[in-house]
């Protein structure tokens, strides 16, 4: 009887491990919705588990739910104020909405916790980038890389800053390194944007296609193909039609996505097809009601429509 009890005790912990493996498998295949569902089920069974909550926040971020991701990261901070994992991604959310006091406070907190971790220096880089001081931002992000050369987010941020400084060929190196460390659609976005800025259209299209191979159902990856084809000068008519198909496919995957919608509107506007532009923007405003930050989305689409 004792042996049977011991057997049942040792088998019990294997169930959540199996669930975690399945959730990680979905995440590794960029199946964000499926992975998010599975990690949330695990978080229901193990509430206040920081590891699970960080996975959820990252998936929310990758799915375009910035507001939800920020709330989940904030919950992690409440549970464990000493946690530093992924806090630079949390900082980026503050930067996106211009919350400089919160970003400054988080940077100071992380430096006090451990100034030998890259996350604190990435936070400082984000703070100075938000203040349009790219020189300091680059210095701090390079400090983060010096502390941990395999911190993919630091390499990606370095690429973002270099691209903003109109140094696309240097930015390519950083985005490539970030992707080499951890394959991610965000790094592919940086690579495609850098190649387009450098007018390397063939490389942009090839990289966008590689992104789709990596994440076939991620609307961000599908959008990249549309953007690359839309800007490529060769076979302009055929390329534009293929671009439209890719952007419509991205919208089918995520009707609330702004980037493919606005790119599609621009393509039709260049062809003076204004009726289609109005239809697309009207549909977009209806779909924007489903997003957590629907007011921001609607304001942007109203401005475009005007």
C-alpha atoms as a PDB file:
ATOM      1  CA  UNK A   1       0.000   0.000   0.000  1.00  0.00           C
ATOM      2  CA  UNK A   2       2.882   2.308   0.889  1.00  0.00           C
ATOM      3  CA  UNK A   3       4.471   1.681  -2.510  1.00  0.00           C
ATOM      4  CA  UNK A   4       1.184   2.492  -4.260  1.00  0.00           C
ATOM      5  CA  UNK A   5       0.899   5.738  -2.268  1.00  0.00           C
ATOM      6  CA  UNK A   6       4.450   6.676  -3.180  1.00  0.00           C
ATOM      7  CA  UNK A   7       3.729   5.937  -6.833  1.00  0.00           C
ATOM      8  CA  UNK A   8       0.650   8.158  -6.856  1.00  0.00           C
ATOM      9  CA  UNK A   9       2.531  10.968  -5.077  1.00  0.00           C
ATOM     10  CA  UNK A  10       5.386  11.004  -7.597  1.00  0.00           C
ATOM     11  CA  UNK A  11       3.062  10.908 -10.609  1.00  0.00           C
ATOM     12  CA  UNK A  12       0.922  13.866  -9.493  1.00  0.00           C
ATOM     13  CA  UNK A  13       3.467  16.616 -10.276  1.00  0.00           C
ATOM     14  CA  UNK A  14       3.940  15.254 -13.809  1.00  0.00           C
ATOM     15  CA  UNK A  15       0.519  16.488 -14.930  1.00  0.00           C
ATOM     16  CA  UNK A  16       1.315  20.225 -14.763  1.00  0.00           C
ATOM     17  CA  UNK A  17       4.751  19.583 -16.266  1.00  0.00           C
ATOM     18  CA  UNK A  18       3.074  17.989 -19.271  1.00  0.00           C
ATOM     19  CA  UNK A  19       0.744  20.994 -19.556  1.00  0.00           C
ATOM     20  CA  UNK A  20       3.712  23.384 -19.343  1.00  0.00           C
ATOM     21  CA  UNK A  21       5.513  21.492 -22.118  1.00  0.00           C
ATOM     22  CA  UNK A  22       2.422  21.726 -24.356  1.00  0.00           C
ATOM     23  CA  UNK A  23       2.078  25.448 -23.636  1.00  0.00           C
ATOM     24  CA  UNK A  24       5.765  26.017 -24.430  1.00  0.00           C
ATOM     25  CA  UNK A  25       5.418  23.986 -27.625  1.00  0.00           C
ATOM     26  CA  UNK A  26       2.536  26.208 -28.789  1.00  0.00           C
ATOM     27  CA  UNK A  27       4.527  29.318 -27.879  1.00  0.00           C
ATOM     28  CA  UNK A  28       7.639  28.094 -29.731  1.00  0.00           C
ATOM     29  CA  UNK A  29       5.509  27.629 -32.856  1.00  0.00           C
ATOM     30  CA  UNK A  30       4.224  31.215 -32.469  1.00  0.00           C
ATOM     31  CA  UNK A  31       0.703  29.935 -31.805  1.00  0.00           C
ATOM     32  CA  UNK A  32       0.089  32.825 -29.433  1.00  0.00           C
ATOM     33  CA  UNK A  33      -3.648  32.335 -28.856  1.00  0.00           C
ATOM     34  CA  UNK A  34      -3.274  28.621 -28.085  1.00  0.00           C
ATOM     35  CA  UNK A  35      -0.236  29.180 -25.842  1.00  0.00           C
ATOM     36  CA  UNK A  36      -2.006  31.992 -23.999  1.00  0.00           C
ATOM     37  CA  UNK A  37      -5.023  29.783 -23.320  1.00  0.00           C
ATOM     38  CA  UNK A  38      -2.838  26.975 -22.002  1.00  0.00           C
ATOM     39  CA  UNK A  39      -0.708  29.208 -19.770  1.00  0.00           C
ATOM     40  CA  UNK A  40      -3.864  30.846 -18.390  1.00  0.00           C
ATOM     41  CA  UNK A  41      -5.287  27.437 -17.476  1.00  0.00           C
ATOM     42  CA  UNK A  42      -2.064  26.670 -15.635  1.00  0.00           C
ATOM     43  CA  UNK A  43      -2.188  30.059 -13.893  1.00  0.00           C
ATOM     44  CA  UNK A  44      -5.720  29.246 -12.705  1.00  0.00           C
ATOM     45  CA  UNK A  45      -4.371  26.076 -11.085  1.00  0.00           C
ATOM     46  CA  UNK A  46      -1.291  27.850  -9.701  1.00  0.00           C
ATOM     47  CA  UNK A  47      -2.357  31.440  -8.921  1.00  0.00           C
ATOM     48  CA  UNK A  48       0.323  34.072  -8.300  1.00  0.00           C
ATOM     49  CA  UNK A  49       2.984  31.948  -9.995  1.00  0.00           C
ATOM     50  CA  UNK A  50       5.453  34.546 -11.312  1.00  0.00           C
ATOM     51  CA  UNK A  51       6.901  32.262 -13.991  1.00  0.00           C
ATOM     52  CA  UNK A  52       3.457  31.585 -15.514  1.00  0.00           C
ATOM     53  CA  UNK A  53       2.383  35.226 -15.274  1.00  0.00           C
ATOM     54  CA  UNK A  54       5.535  36.372 -17.105  1.00  0.00           C
ATOM     55  CA  UNK A  55       4.775  33.910 -19.910  1.00  0.00           C
ATOM     56  CA  UNK A  56       1.221  35.261 -20.108  1.00  0.00           C
ATOM     57  CA  UNK A  57       2.410  38.889 -20.170  1.00  0.00           C
ATOM     58  CA  UNK A  58       4.906  38.172 -22.960  1.00  0.00           C
ATOM     59  CA  UNK A  59       2.246  36.403 -25.028  1.00  0.00           C
ATOM     60  CA  UNK A  60      -0.175  39.281 -24.477  1.00  0.00           C
ATOM     61  CA  UNK A  61       2.529  41.642 -25.702  1.00  0.00           C
ATOM     62  CA  UNK A  62       3.167  39.525 -28.795  1.00  0.00           C
ATOM     63  CA  UNK A  63      -0.575  39.400 -29.470  1.00  0.00           C
ATOM     64  CA  UNK A  64      -0.875  43.188 -29.476  1.00  0.00           C
ATOM     65  CA  UNK A  65      -2.623  43.413 -26.100  1.00  0.00           C
ATOM     66  CA  UNK A  66      -0.326  46.057 -24.599  1.00  0.00           C
ATOM     67  CA  UNK A  67      -2.836  47.069 -21.938  1.00  0.00           C
ATOM     68  CA  UNK A  68      -3.348  43.469 -20.792  1.00  0.00           C
ATOM     69  CA  UNK A  69       0.405  42.835 -20.768  1.00  0.00           C
ATOM     70  CA  UNK A  70       1.021  45.921 -18.643  1.00  0.00           C
ATOM     71  CA  UNK A  71      -1.597  44.780 -16.111  1.00  0.00           C
ATOM     72  CA  UNK A  72      -0.037  41.305 -15.906  1.00  0.00           C
ATOM     73  CA  UNK A  73       3.483  42.692 -15.482  1.00  0.00           C
ATOM     74  CA  UNK A  74       2.169  45.019 -12.744  1.00  0.00           C
ATOM     75  CA  UNK A  75       0.691  41.995 -10.991  1.00  0.00           C
ATOM     76  CA  UNK A  76       4.078  40.270 -11.123  1.00  0.00           C
ATOM     77  CA  UNK A  77       5.658  43.337  -9.480  1.00  0.00           C
ATOM     78  CA  UNK A  78       3.036  43.186  -6.722  1.00  0.00           C
ATOM     79  CA  UNK A  79       3.723  39.502  -6.066  1.00  0.00           C
ATOM     80  CA  UNK A  80       7.526  39.708  -6.247  1.00  0.00           C
ATOM     81  CA  UNK A  81       9.075  43.172  -6.189  1.00  0.00           C
ATOM     82  CA  UNK A  82      12.543  41.591  -6.475  1.00  0.00           C
ATOM     83  CA  UNK A  83      11.837  39.905  -9.809  1.00  0.00           C
ATOM     84  CA  UNK A  84      13.880  41.297 -12.713  1.00  0.00           C
ATOM     85  CA  UNK A  85      12.994  38.837 -15.474  1.00  0.00           C
ATOM     86  CA  UNK A  86      11.219  40.548 -18.405  1.00  0.00           C
ATOM     87  CA  UNK A  87      11.037  43.873 -16.568  1.00  0.00           C
ATOM     88  CA  UNK A  88      12.651  45.613 -19.537  1.00  0.00           C
ATOM     89  CA  UNK A  89       9.681  44.484 -21.630  1.00  0.00           C
ATOM     90  CA  UNK A  90       7.435  45.996 -18.958  1.00  0.00           C
ATOM     91  CA  UNK A  91       9.474  49.192 -19.280  1.00  0.00           C
ATOM     92  CA  UNK A  92       8.886  49.276 -23.024  1.00  0.00           C
ATOM     93  CA  UNK A  93       5.135  49.404 -22.383  1.00  0.00           C
ATOM     94  CA  UNK A  94       5.648  52.529 -20.253  1.00  0.00           C
ATOM     95  CA  UNK A  95       7.742  54.008 -23.050  1.00  0.00           C
ATOM     96  CA  UNK A  96       5.074  53.303 -25.670  1.00  0.00           C
ATOM     97  CA  UNK A  97       2.452  55.283 -23.773  1.00  0.00           C
ATOM     98  CA  UNK A  98       4.862  58.032 -22.743  1.00  0.00           C
ATOM     99  CA  UNK A  99       4.746  57.211 -19.020  1.00  0.00           C
ATOM    100  CA  UNK A 100       8.185  58.651 -18.235  1.00  0.00           C
ATOM    101  CA  UNK A 101       7.753  58.962 -14.428  1.00  0.00           C
ATOM    102  CA  UNK A 102       6.830  55.257 -14.189  1.00  0.00           C
ATOM    103  CA  UNK A 103       9.699  54.341 -16.508  1.00  0.00           C
ATOM    104  CA  UNK A 104      12.166  56.383 -14.438  1.00  0.00           C
ATOM    105  CA  UNK A 105      10.955  54.801 -11.186  1.00  0.00           C
ATOM    106  CA  UNK A 106      11.199  51.269 -12.598  1.00  0.00           C
ATOM    107  CA  UNK A 107      14.737  51.964 -13.847  1.00  0.00           C
ATOM    108  CA  UNK A 108      15.803  53.160 -10.402  1.00  0.00           C
ATOM    109  CA  UNK A 109      14.176  50.155  -8.697  1.00  0.00           C
ATOM    110  CA  UNK A 110      15.924  47.676 -10.987  1.00  0.00           C
ATOM    111  CA  UNK A 111      19.312  49.366 -10.563  1.00  0.00           C
ATOM    112  CA  UNK A 112      18.913  49.148  -6.801  1.00  0.00           C
ATOM    113  CA  UNK A 113      18.007  45.460  -7.060  1.00  0.00           C
ATOM    114  CA  UNK A 114      20.928  44.375  -9.240  1.00  0.00           C
ATOM    115  CA  UNK A 115      23.023  46.646 -11.449  1.00  0.00           C
ATOM    116  CA  UNK A 116      24.806  43.612 -12.892  1.00  0.00           C
ATOM    117  CA  UNK A 117      21.667  42.499 -14.749  1.00  0.00           C
ATOM    118  CA  UNK A 118      20.980  43.868 -18.254  1.00  0.00           C
ATOM    119  CA  UNK A 119      17.304  44.662 -17.616  1.00  0.00           C
ATOM    120  CA  UNK A 120      18.056  47.758 -15.519  1.00  0.00           C
ATOM    121  CA  UNK A 121      20.293  49.258 -18.209  1.00  0.00           C
ATOM    122  CA  UNK A 122      17.781  48.458 -20.956  1.00  0.00           C
ATOM    123  CA  UNK A 123      15.198  50.366 -18.897  1.00  0.00           C
ATOM    124  CA  UNK A 124      17.530  53.366 -18.753  1.00  0.00           C
ATOM    125  CA  UNK A 125      18.083  53.101 -22.513  1.00  0.00           C
ATOM    126  CA  UNK A 126      14.315  53.134 -23.072  1.00  0.00           C
ATOM    127  CA  UNK A 127      13.964  56.163 -20.784  1.00  0.00           C
ATOM    128  CA  UNK A 128      16.556  58.184 -22.711  1.00  0.00           C
ATOM    129  CA  UNK A 129      15.199  57.021 -26.063  1.00  0.00           C
ATOM    130  CA  UNK A 130      11.775  58.318 -24.994  1.00  0.00           C
ATOM    131  CA  UNK A 131      13.459  61.678 -24.311  1.00  0.00           C
ATOM    132  CA  UNK A 132      15.004  61.599 -27.823  1.00  0.00           C
ATOM    133  CA  UNK A 133      18.512  61.236 -26.419  1.00  0.00           C
ATOM    134  CA  UNK A 134      19.700  58.396 -28.625  1.00  0.00           C
ATOM    135  CA  UNK A 135      23.350  58.907 -27.693  1.00  0.00           C
ATOM    136  CA  UNK A 136      22.683  58.028 -24.049  1.00  0.00           C
ATOM    137  CA  UNK A 137      20.209  55.322 -25.064  1.00  0.00           C
ATOM    138  CA  UNK A 138      22.863  53.582 -27.184  1.00  0.00           C
ATOM    139  CA  UNK A 139      25.424  53.865 -24.366  1.00  0.00           C
ATOM    140  CA  UNK A 140      23.071  52.231 -21.849  1.00  0.00           C
ATOM    141  CA  UNK A 141      21.912  49.476 -24.191  1.00  0.00           C
ATOM    142  CA  UNK A 142      25.535  48.637 -24.986  1.00  0.00           C
ATOM    143  CA  UNK A 143      26.198  48.446 -21.236  1.00  0.00           C
ATOM    144  CA  UNK A 144      23.331  45.919 -21.034  1.00  0.00           C
ATOM    145  CA  UNK A 145      24.843  43.860 -23.871  1.00  0.00           C
ATOM    146  CA  UNK A 146      28.265  43.953 -22.195  1.00  0.00           C
ATOM    147  CA  UNK A 147      26.682  42.464 -19.070  1.00  0.00           C
ATOM    148  CA  UNK A 148      24.846  39.749 -21.012  1.00  0.00           C
ATOM    149  CA  UNK A 149      25.675  39.266 -24.677  1.00  0.00           C
ATOM    150  CA  UNK A 150      22.777  36.828 -25.066  1.00  0.00           C
ATOM    151  CA  UNK A 151      20.080  39.253 -23.934  1.00  0.00           C
ATOM    152  CA  UNK A 152      18.062  39.341 -27.148  1.00  0.00           C
ATOM    153  CA  UNK A 153      15.867  42.273 -26.175  1.00  0.00           C
ATOM    154  CA  UNK A 154      18.919  44.519 -25.696  1.00  0.00           C
ATOM    155  CA  UNK A 155      20.170  43.696 -29.207  1.00  0.00           C
ATOM    156  CA  UNK A 156      16.700  44.374 -30.614  1.00  0.00           C
ATOM    157  CA  UNK A 157      16.481  47.729 -28.844  1.00  0.00           C
ATOM    158  CA  UNK A 158      19.916  48.651 -30.172  1.00  0.00           C
ATOM    159  CA  UNK A 159      18.577  47.908 -33.665  1.00  0.00           C
ATOM    160  CA  UNK A 160      15.499  50.083 -33.046  1.00  0.00           C
ATOM    161  CA  UNK A 161      17.658  53.022 -31.939  1.00  0.00           C
ATOM    162  CA  UNK A 162      20.061  52.654 -34.873  1.00  0.00           C
ATOM    163  CA  UNK A 163      17.140  52.487 -37.307  1.00  0.00           C
ATOM    164  CA  UNK A 164      15.671  55.654 -35.769  1.00  0.00           C
ATOM    165  CA  UNK A 165      19.061  57.294 -36.380  1.00  0.00           C
ATOM    166  CA  UNK A 166      18.826  56.351 -40.051  1.00  0.00           C
ATOM    167  CA  UNK A 167      21.584  53.746 -39.802  1.00  0.00           C
ATOM    168  CA  UNK A 168      19.682  50.768 -41.245  1.00  0.00           C
ATOM    169  CA  UNK A 169      22.693  48.692 -42.264  1.00  0.00           C
ATOM    170  CA  UNK A 170      24.030  48.838 -38.682  1.00  0.00           C
ATOM    171  CA  UNK A 171      20.542  48.112 -37.350  1.00  0.00           C
ATOM    172  CA  UNK A 172      20.400  44.924 -39.454  1.00  0.00           C
ATOM    173  CA  UNK A 173      23.368  43.515 -37.518  1.00  0.00           C
ATOM    174  CA  UNK A 174      21.613  44.057 -34.179  1.00  0.00           C
ATOM    175  CA  UNK A 175      18.266  42.639 -35.287  1.00  0.00           C
ATOM    176  CA  UNK A 176      20.021  39.653 -36.847  1.00  0.00           C
ATOM    177  CA  UNK A 177      21.888  38.998 -33.591  1.00  0.00           C
ATOM    178  CA  UNK A 178      18.650  39.264 -31.574  1.00  0.00           C
ATOM    179  CA  UNK A 179      16.998  36.754 -33.883  1.00  0.00           C
ATOM    180  CA  UNK A 180      20.012  34.480 -33.707  1.00  0.00           C
ATOM    181  CA  UNK A 181      19.699  34.361 -29.902  1.00  0.00           C
ATOM    182  CA  UNK A 182      15.913  33.995 -29.823  1.00  0.00           C
ATOM    183  CA  UNK A 183      13.814  33.800 -32.974  1.00  0.00           C
ATOM    184  CA  UNK A 184      11.078  36.388 -32.662  1.00  0.00           C
ATOM    185  CA  UNK A 185       8.646  38.131 -35.019  1.00  0.00           C
ATOM    186  CA  UNK A 186       9.596  41.505 -33.490  1.00  0.00           C
ATOM    187  CA  UNK A 187      13.199  40.981 -34.620  1.00  0.00           C
ATOM    188  CA  UNK A 188      11.984  40.018 -38.094  1.00  0.00           C
ATOM    189  CA  UNK A 189       9.986  43.267 -38.142  1.00  0.00           C
ATOM    190  CA  UNK A 190      13.158  45.196 -37.383  1.00  0.00           C
ATOM    191  CA  UNK A 191      15.098  43.346 -40.066  1.00  0.00           C
ATOM    192  CA  UNK A 192      12.472  43.964 -42.769  1.00  0.00           C
ATOM    193  CA  UNK A 193      12.130  47.643 -41.832  1.00  0.00           C
ATOM    194  CA  UNK A 194      15.930  48.036 -41.901  1.00  0.00           C
ATOM    195  CA  UNK A 195      16.268  46.375 -45.303  1.00  0.00           C
ATOM    196  CA  UNK A 196      13.475  48.555 -46.706  1.00  0.00           C
ATOM    197  CA  UNK A 197      15.128  51.692 -45.290  1.00  0.00           C
ATOM    198  CA  UNK A 198      18.397  50.597 -46.954  1.00  0.00           C
ATOM    199  CA  UNK A 199      16.465  49.936 -50.204  1.00  0.00           C
ATOM    200  CA  UNK A 200      17.444  46.271 -50.114  1.00  0.00           C
ATOM    201  CA  UNK A 201      14.066  45.050 -51.307  1.00  0.00           C
ATOM    202  CA  UNK A 202      15.063  41.500 -52.217  1.00  0.00           C
ATOM    203  CA  UNK A 203      16.472  40.937 -48.718  1.00  0.00           C
ATOM    204  CA  UNK A 204      13.336  42.477 -47.189  1.00  0.00           C
ATOM    205  CA  UNK A 205      11.028  40.114 -49.092  1.00  0.00           C
ATOM    206  CA  UNK A 206      13.177  37.053 -48.313  1.00  0.00           C
ATOM    207  CA  UNK A 207      13.278  37.957 -44.609  1.00  0.00           C
ATOM    208  CA  UNK A 208       9.518  38.534 -44.526  1.00  0.00           C
ATOM    209  CA  UNK A 209       8.959  35.108 -46.075  1.00  0.00           C
ATOM    210  CA  UNK A 210      11.308  33.596 -43.503  1.00  0.00           C
ATOM    211  CA  UNK A 211       9.189  35.237 -40.781  1.00  0.00           C
ATOM    212  CA  UNK A 212       6.078  33.543 -42.189  1.00  0.00           C
ATOM    213  CA  UNK A 213       7.870  30.190 -42.222  1.00  0.00           C
ATOM    214  CA  UNK A 214       8.660  30.746 -38.553  1.00  0.00           C
ATOM    215  CA  UNK A 215       5.192  32.034 -37.609  1.00  0.00           C
ATOM    216  CA  UNK A 216       2.687  31.172 -40.365  1.00  0.00           C
ATOM    217  CA  UNK A 217      -0.390  32.306 -38.443  1.00  0.00           C
ATOM    218  CA  UNK A 218       1.055  35.403 -36.807  1.00  0.00           C
ATOM    219  CA  UNK A 219      -0.545  38.460 -38.471  1.00  0.00           C
ATOM    220  CA  UNK A 220       2.620  40.493 -37.831  1.00  0.00           C
ATOM    221  CA  UNK A 221       4.656  38.087 -39.976  1.00  0.00           C
ATOM    222  CA  UNK A 222       2.072  38.059 -42.767  1.00  0.00           C
ATOM    223  CA  UNK A 223       1.967  41.860 -42.666  1.00  0.00           C
ATOM    224  CA  UNK A 224       5.730  41.992 -43.256  1.00  0.00           C
ATOM    225  CA  UNK A 225       5.332  40.264 -46.623  1.00  0.00           C
ATOM    226  CA  UNK A 226       2.699  42.806 -47.618  1.00  0.00           C
ATOM    227  CA  UNK A 227       4.858  45.744 -46.565  1.00  0.00           C
ATOM    228  CA  UNK A 228       7.934  44.416 -48.378  1.00  0.00           C
ATOM    229  CA  UNK A 229       6.036  43.692 -51.594  1.00  0.00           C
ATOM    230  CA  UNK A 230       4.300  47.074 -51.487  1.00  0.00           C
ATOM    231  CA  UNK A 231       7.610  48.945 -51.436  1.00  0.00           C
ATOM    232  CA  UNK A 232       9.596  46.753 -53.832  1.00  0.00           C
ATOM    233  CA  UNK A 233      10.030  48.583 -57.183  1.00  0.00           C
ATOM    234  CA  UNK A 234      10.209  45.495 -59.442  1.00  0.00           C
ATOM    235  CA  UNK A 235       6.980  44.365 -61.183  1.00  0.00           C
ATOM    236  CA  UNK A 236       5.056  47.188 -59.492  1.00  0.00           C
ATOM    237  CA  UNK A 237       1.541  46.143 -60.523  1.00  0.00           C
ATOM    238  CA  UNK A 238       1.932  42.455 -59.724  1.00  0.00           C
ATOM    239  CA  UNK A 239       3.803  43.262 -56.510  1.00  0.00           C
ATOM    240  CA  UNK A 240       1.079  45.635 -55.308  1.00  0.00           C
ATOM    241  CA  UNK A 241      -1.649  43.025 -55.873  1.00  0.00           C
ATOM    242  CA  UNK A 242       0.362  40.407 -53.968  1.00  0.00           C
ATOM    243  CA  UNK A 243       0.916  42.970 -51.223  1.00  0.00           C
ATOM    244  CA  UNK A 244      -2.841  43.577 -50.968  1.00  0.00           C
ATOM    245  CA  UNK A 245      -3.520  39.837 -50.698  1.00  0.00           C
ATOM    246  CA  UNK A 246      -0.946  39.476 -47.911  1.00  0.00           C
ATOM    247  CA  UNK A 247      -2.322  42.452 -45.985  1.00  0.00           C
ATOM    248  CA  UNK A 248      -5.906  41.167 -46.325  1.00  0.00           C
ATOM    249  CA  UNK A 249      -4.742  37.781 -45.047  1.00  0.00           C
ATOM    250  CA  UNK A 250      -3.153  39.504 -42.034  1.00  0.00           C
ATOM    251  CA  UNK A 251      -6.440  41.299 -41.360  1.00  0.00           C
ATOM    252  CA  UNK A 252      -8.321  38.006 -41.632  1.00  0.00           C
ATOM    253  CA  UNK A 253      -6.023  36.610 -38.923  1.00  0.00           C
ATOM    254  CA  UNK A 254      -6.498  39.697 -36.749  1.00  0.00           C
ATOM    255  CA  UNK A 255      -9.282  42.114 -37.794  1.00  0.00           C
ATOM    256  CA  UNK A 256      -8.163  44.590 -35.087  1.00  0.00           C
ATOM    257  CA  UNK A 257      -4.569  44.913 -36.379  1.00  0.00           C
ATOM    258  CA  UNK A 258      -3.822  48.501 -37.355  1.00  0.00           C
ATOM    259  CA  UNK A 259      -0.583  48.066 -39.278  1.00  0.00           C
ATOM    260  CA  UNK A 260      -1.904  45.907 -42.155  1.00  0.00           C
ATOM    261  CA  UNK A 261      -5.099  47.976 -42.292  1.00  0.00           C
ATOM    262  CA  UNK A 262      -3.274  51.296 -42.672  1.00  0.00           C
ATOM    263  CA  UNK A 263      -0.812  49.816 -45.180  1.00  0.00           C
ATOM    264  CA  UNK A 264      -3.733  48.484 -47.244  1.00  0.00           C
ATOM    265  CA  UNK A 265      -5.475  51.863 -47.099  1.00  0.00           C
ATOM    266  CA  UNK A 266      -2.284  53.562 -48.326  1.00  0.00           C
ATOM    267  CA  UNK A 267      -2.032  51.169 -51.279  1.00  0.00           C
ATOM    268  CA  UNK A 268      -5.613  51.899 -52.355  1.00  0.00           C
ATOM    269  CA  UNK A 269      -5.119  55.630 -51.750  1.00  0.00           C
ATOM    270  CA  UNK A 270      -2.114  55.653 -54.081  1.00  0.00           C
ATOM    271  CA  UNK A 271      -4.393  54.128 -56.732  1.00  0.00           C
ATOM    272  CA  UNK A 272      -7.023  56.814 -55.971  1.00  0.00           C
ATOM    273  CA  UNK A 273      -9.471  54.078 -54.981  1.00  0.00           C
ATOM    274  CA  UNK A 274     -11.053  56.220 -52.280  1.00  0.00           C
ATOM    275  CA  UNK A 275     -14.261  54.221 -51.914  1.00  0.00           C
ATOM    276  CA  UNK A 276     -12.276  51.142 -50.847  1.00  0.00           C
ATOM    277  CA  UNK A 277     -10.262  53.312 -48.442  1.00  0.00           C
ATOM    278  CA  UNK A 278     -13.462  54.539 -46.779  1.00  0.00           C
ATOM    279  CA  UNK A 279     -14.849  50.983 -46.569  1.00  0.00           C
ATOM    280  CA  UNK A 280     -11.638  49.660 -45.012  1.00  0.00           C
ATOM    281  CA  UNK A 281     -11.429  52.467 -42.446  1.00  0.00           C
ATOM    282  CA  UNK A 282     -15.110  52.115 -41.541  1.00  0.00           C
ATOM    283  CA  UNK A 283     -14.675  48.364 -41.004  1.00  0.00           C
ATOM    284  CA  UNK A 284     -11.532  49.107 -39.029  1.00  0.00           C
ATOM    285  CA  UNK A 285     -13.353  51.484 -36.685  1.00  0.00           C
ATOM    286  CA  UNK A 286     -16.026  48.863 -36.058  1.00  0.00           C
ATOM    287  CA  UNK A 287     -13.351  46.247 -35.356  1.00  0.00           C
ATOM    288  CA  UNK A 288     -11.426  48.678 -33.121  1.00  0.00           C
ATOM    289  CA  UNK A 289     -14.239  48.508 -30.581  1.00  0.00           C
ATOM    290  CA  UNK A 290     -12.999  44.991 -29.721  1.00  0.00           C
ATOM    291  CA  UNK A 291      -9.516  46.183 -28.748  1.00  0.00           C
ATOM    292  CA  UNK A 292      -8.539  47.061 -25.154  1.00  0.00           C
ATOM    293  CA  UNK A 293      -7.392  50.520 -26.299  1.00  0.00           C
ATOM    294  CA  UNK A 294     -10.227  51.047 -28.773  1.00  0.00           C
ATOM    295  CA  UNK A 295     -10.392  54.821 -28.204  1.00  0.00           C
ATOM    296  CA  UNK A 296      -6.767  55.287 -29.339  1.00  0.00           C
ATOM    297  CA  UNK A 297      -7.359  53.081 -32.372  1.00  0.00           C
ATOM    298  CA  UNK A 298     -10.579  54.859 -33.295  1.00  0.00           C
ATOM    299  CA  UNK A 299      -8.973  58.297 -33.006  1.00  0.00           C
ATOM    300  CA  UNK A 300      -6.198  57.212 -35.368  1.00  0.00           C
ATOM    301  CA  UNK A 301      -8.645  55.758 -37.887  1.00  0.00           C
ATOM    302  CA  UNK A 302     -10.917  58.840 -37.695  1.00  0.00           C
ATOM    303  CA  UNK A 303      -7.896  61.017 -38.434  1.00  0.00           C
ATOM    304  CA  UNK A 304      -6.994  58.831 -41.414  1.00  0.00           C
ATOM    305  CA  UNK A 305     -10.575  58.933 -42.682  1.00  0.00           C
ATOM    306  CA  UNK A 306     -10.652  62.730 -42.435  1.00  0.00           C
END
